[in-house]
N, C-alpha and C. Protein backbone atom coordinates (compact mmCIF):
# COMPACT_ATOMS: atom_id res chain seq x y z
N MET A 1 1.17 13.02 -7.75
CA MET A 1 1.48 11.91 -6.88
C MET A 1 2.22 12.42 -5.65
N SER A 2 1.89 11.83 -4.52
CA SER A 2 2.65 12.11 -3.30
C SER A 2 2.89 10.78 -2.59
N ASP A 3 3.93 10.74 -1.78
CA ASP A 3 4.31 9.51 -1.10
C ASP A 3 4.89 9.88 0.27
N ASP A 4 4.22 9.45 1.34
CA ASP A 4 4.71 9.77 2.68
C ASP A 4 5.52 8.62 3.30
N GLY A 5 5.86 7.63 2.49
CA GLY A 5 6.60 6.47 2.99
C GLY A 5 5.70 5.27 3.24
N ASP A 6 4.43 5.51 3.50
CA ASP A 6 3.45 4.43 3.63
C ASP A 6 2.36 4.59 2.58
N VAL A 7 1.70 5.73 2.58
CA VAL A 7 0.58 5.96 1.66
C VAL A 7 1.04 6.73 0.43
N VAL A 8 0.69 6.17 -0.72
CA VAL A 8 0.98 6.81 -2.00
C VAL A 8 -0.35 7.34 -2.54
N LEU A 9 -0.37 8.58 -2.96
CA LEU A 9 -1.59 9.22 -3.47
C LEU A 9 -1.41 9.50 -4.95
N TYR A 10 -2.38 9.07 -5.74
CA TYR A 10 -2.38 9.33 -7.19
C TYR A 10 -3.68 10.01 -7.60
N GLN A 11 -3.57 10.80 -8.64
CA GLN A 11 -4.76 11.31 -9.31
C GLN A 11 -5.01 10.36 -10.48
N TYR A 12 -6.27 10.03 -10.73
CA TYR A 12 -6.61 9.19 -11.87
C TYR A 12 -7.66 9.89 -12.72
N GLN A 13 -7.75 9.44 -13.95
CA GLN A 13 -8.74 10.00 -14.88
C GLN A 13 -9.34 8.85 -15.67
N VAL A 14 -10.66 8.85 -15.82
CA VAL A 14 -11.33 7.86 -16.64
C VAL A 14 -12.16 8.55 -17.71
N GLU A 15 -12.05 8.08 -18.91
CA GLU A 15 -12.84 8.50 -20.06
C GLU A 15 -12.59 9.93 -20.54
N ASN A 16 -12.65 10.95 -19.68
CA ASN A 16 -12.43 12.32 -20.14
C ASN A 16 -11.92 13.21 -19.01
N GLU A 17 -11.59 14.45 -19.36
CA GLU A 17 -10.99 15.39 -18.40
C GLU A 17 -11.89 15.68 -17.19
N GLU A 18 -13.19 15.57 -17.35
CA GLU A 18 -14.10 15.87 -16.24
C GLU A 18 -14.16 14.75 -15.20
N LYS A 19 -13.69 13.58 -15.56
CA LYS A 19 -13.77 12.43 -14.66
C LYS A 19 -12.40 12.14 -14.04
N LYS A 20 -12.02 12.98 -13.10
CA LYS A 20 -10.76 12.81 -12.38
C LYS A 20 -11.05 12.59 -10.91
N GLY A 21 -10.22 11.79 -10.28
CA GLY A 21 -10.37 11.52 -8.86
C GLY A 21 -9.03 11.19 -8.24
N GLN A 22 -9.07 10.73 -7.00
CA GLN A 22 -7.84 10.38 -6.29
C GLN A 22 -7.96 8.97 -5.73
N VAL A 23 -6.83 8.29 -5.73
CA VAL A 23 -6.74 6.94 -5.18
C VAL A 23 -5.47 6.84 -4.35
N THR A 24 -5.55 6.11 -3.25
CA THR A 24 -4.37 5.90 -2.41
C THR A 24 -4.03 4.42 -2.36
N TYR A 25 -2.74 4.15 -2.15
CA TYR A 25 -2.27 2.78 -1.89
C TYR A 25 -1.49 2.82 -0.58
N SER A 26 -1.81 1.91 0.32
CA SER A 26 -1.12 1.83 1.61
C SER A 26 -0.18 0.63 1.61
N ARG A 27 1.09 0.90 1.84
CA ARG A 27 2.07 -0.19 1.93
C ARG A 27 1.78 -1.05 3.17
N THR A 28 1.41 -0.42 4.28
CA THR A 28 1.12 -1.14 5.52
C THR A 28 -0.05 -2.10 5.35
N HIS A 29 -1.13 -1.62 4.76
CA HIS A 29 -2.34 -2.43 4.61
C HIS A 29 -2.37 -3.24 3.32
N LYS A 30 -1.42 -2.94 2.42
CA LYS A 30 -1.35 -3.62 1.12
C LYS A 30 -2.69 -3.58 0.39
N GLY A 31 -3.24 -2.38 0.33
CA GLY A 31 -4.53 -2.20 -0.32
C GLY A 31 -4.67 -0.79 -0.85
N PHE A 32 -5.68 -0.60 -1.68
CA PHE A 32 -5.92 0.71 -2.26
C PHE A 32 -7.34 1.16 -1.96
N LYS A 33 -7.54 2.48 -2.03
CA LYS A 33 -8.85 3.06 -1.74
C LYS A 33 -9.06 4.28 -2.62
N PHE A 34 -10.22 4.35 -3.24
CA PHE A 34 -10.60 5.52 -4.01
C PHE A 34 -11.20 6.54 -3.04
N LEU A 35 -10.82 7.80 -3.19
CA LEU A 35 -11.23 8.83 -2.26
C LEU A 35 -12.44 9.63 -2.73
N ASP A 36 -13.11 9.15 -3.75
CA ASP A 36 -14.25 9.86 -4.33
C ASP A 36 -15.18 8.84 -4.97
N THR A 37 -16.22 9.33 -5.64
CA THR A 37 -17.21 8.43 -6.25
C THR A 37 -17.08 8.34 -7.77
N ILE A 38 -16.12 9.01 -8.35
CA ILE A 38 -15.95 8.98 -9.81
C ILE A 38 -15.85 7.55 -10.31
N ILE A 39 -15.06 6.73 -9.63
CA ILE A 39 -14.83 5.35 -10.08
C ILE A 39 -16.11 4.52 -10.02
N GLU A 40 -17.00 4.83 -9.09
CA GLU A 40 -18.26 4.09 -8.96
C GLU A 40 -19.18 4.33 -10.14
N GLU A 41 -19.01 5.46 -10.81
CA GLU A 41 -19.84 5.81 -11.96
C GLU A 41 -19.22 5.33 -13.27
N SER A 42 -18.11 4.60 -13.19
CA SER A 42 -17.37 4.15 -14.36
C SER A 42 -17.43 2.63 -14.47
N PRO A 43 -17.18 2.10 -15.67
CA PRO A 43 -17.16 0.64 -15.83
C PRO A 43 -16.15 -0.01 -14.88
N ARG A 44 -16.47 -1.20 -14.42
CA ARG A 44 -15.64 -1.93 -13.44
C ARG A 44 -14.20 -2.13 -13.92
N MET A 45 -14.00 -2.21 -15.22
CA MET A 45 -12.64 -2.45 -15.75
C MET A 45 -11.68 -1.34 -15.34
N TYR A 46 -12.17 -0.13 -15.15
CA TYR A 46 -11.31 0.97 -14.72
C TYR A 46 -10.82 0.74 -13.28
N HIS A 47 -11.73 0.35 -12.42
CA HIS A 47 -11.39 0.04 -11.03
C HIS A 47 -10.34 -1.06 -10.99
N ASN A 48 -10.58 -2.14 -11.72
CA ASN A 48 -9.66 -3.28 -11.73
C ASN A 48 -8.31 -2.91 -12.32
N GLY A 49 -8.30 -2.15 -13.41
CA GLY A 49 -7.05 -1.76 -14.06
C GLY A 49 -6.18 -0.89 -13.17
N ILE A 50 -6.80 0.06 -12.49
CA ILE A 50 -6.05 0.93 -11.58
C ILE A 50 -5.50 0.12 -10.41
N GLY A 51 -6.33 -0.76 -9.87
CA GLY A 51 -5.89 -1.62 -8.76
C GLY A 51 -4.72 -2.51 -9.15
N MET A 52 -4.81 -3.13 -10.33
CA MET A 52 -3.71 -4.00 -10.78
C MET A 52 -2.42 -3.22 -10.97
N ALA A 53 -2.52 -2.00 -11.49
CA ALA A 53 -1.33 -1.17 -11.68
C ALA A 53 -0.70 -0.82 -10.34
N LEU A 54 -1.51 -0.49 -9.35
CA LEU A 54 -0.99 -0.17 -8.02
C LEU A 54 -0.32 -1.38 -7.37
N PHE A 55 -0.95 -2.56 -7.48
CA PHE A 55 -0.35 -3.76 -6.91
C PHE A 55 0.95 -4.13 -7.62
N LYS A 56 1.00 -3.92 -8.92
CA LYS A 56 2.22 -4.21 -9.69
C LYS A 56 3.36 -3.29 -9.23
N MET A 57 3.07 -2.01 -9.06
CA MET A 57 4.09 -1.08 -8.59
C MET A 57 4.52 -1.42 -7.16
N ALA A 58 3.56 -1.83 -6.31
CA ALA A 58 3.88 -2.18 -4.93
C ALA A 58 4.78 -3.41 -4.87
N LYS A 59 4.48 -4.40 -5.69
CA LYS A 59 5.28 -5.63 -5.71
C LYS A 59 6.73 -5.33 -6.08
N ALA A 60 6.92 -4.41 -7.03
CA ALA A 60 8.26 -4.03 -7.47
C ALA A 60 8.87 -2.94 -6.57
N ASN A 61 8.06 -2.46 -5.62
CA ASN A 61 8.46 -1.33 -4.77
C ASN A 61 8.97 -0.17 -5.63
N ASP A 62 8.22 0.13 -6.66
CA ASP A 62 8.61 1.16 -7.63
C ASP A 62 7.37 1.96 -8.03
N PHE A 63 6.99 2.90 -7.18
CA PHE A 63 5.84 3.73 -7.48
C PHE A 63 6.27 4.86 -8.41
N LYS A 64 5.74 4.84 -9.61
CA LYS A 64 6.09 5.82 -10.63
C LYS A 64 5.44 7.16 -10.30
N LYS A 65 6.09 8.22 -10.74
CA LYS A 65 5.53 9.56 -10.58
C LYS A 65 4.29 9.73 -11.47
N TYR A 66 4.32 9.06 -12.62
CA TYR A 66 3.24 9.15 -13.61
C TYR A 66 3.09 7.77 -14.22
N TYR A 67 1.87 7.28 -14.34
CA TYR A 67 1.64 5.94 -14.87
C TYR A 67 0.35 5.95 -15.68
N VAL A 68 0.39 5.36 -16.85
CA VAL A 68 -0.79 5.30 -17.72
C VAL A 68 -1.28 3.86 -17.76
N VAL A 69 -2.57 3.67 -17.47
CA VAL A 69 -3.20 2.36 -17.60
C VAL A 69 -4.12 2.47 -18.81
N ALA A 70 -3.76 1.78 -19.87
CA ALA A 70 -4.55 1.85 -21.11
C ALA A 70 -5.74 0.90 -21.03
N MET A 71 -6.90 1.39 -21.41
CA MET A 71 -8.12 0.59 -21.44
C MET A 71 -8.66 0.60 -22.87
N PHE A 72 -8.91 -0.57 -23.39
CA PHE A 72 -9.44 -0.67 -24.77
C PHE A 72 -10.75 -1.39 -24.77
């Protein structure tokens, strides 16, 4: 994770070790963006779960260094 004061960068993983990518959250734009296509090849619930976690951290203004989003 990195944080420049506006943009927070996270690495994410879906399903297994080979499916890792990066996602950013912008405080200015109040939105997130995936920087690769890994998420497009995964079930929609992963996209939604990661987005909800980022919005939750943004609302609390508490971006964790490490965060696990459990999918069942």
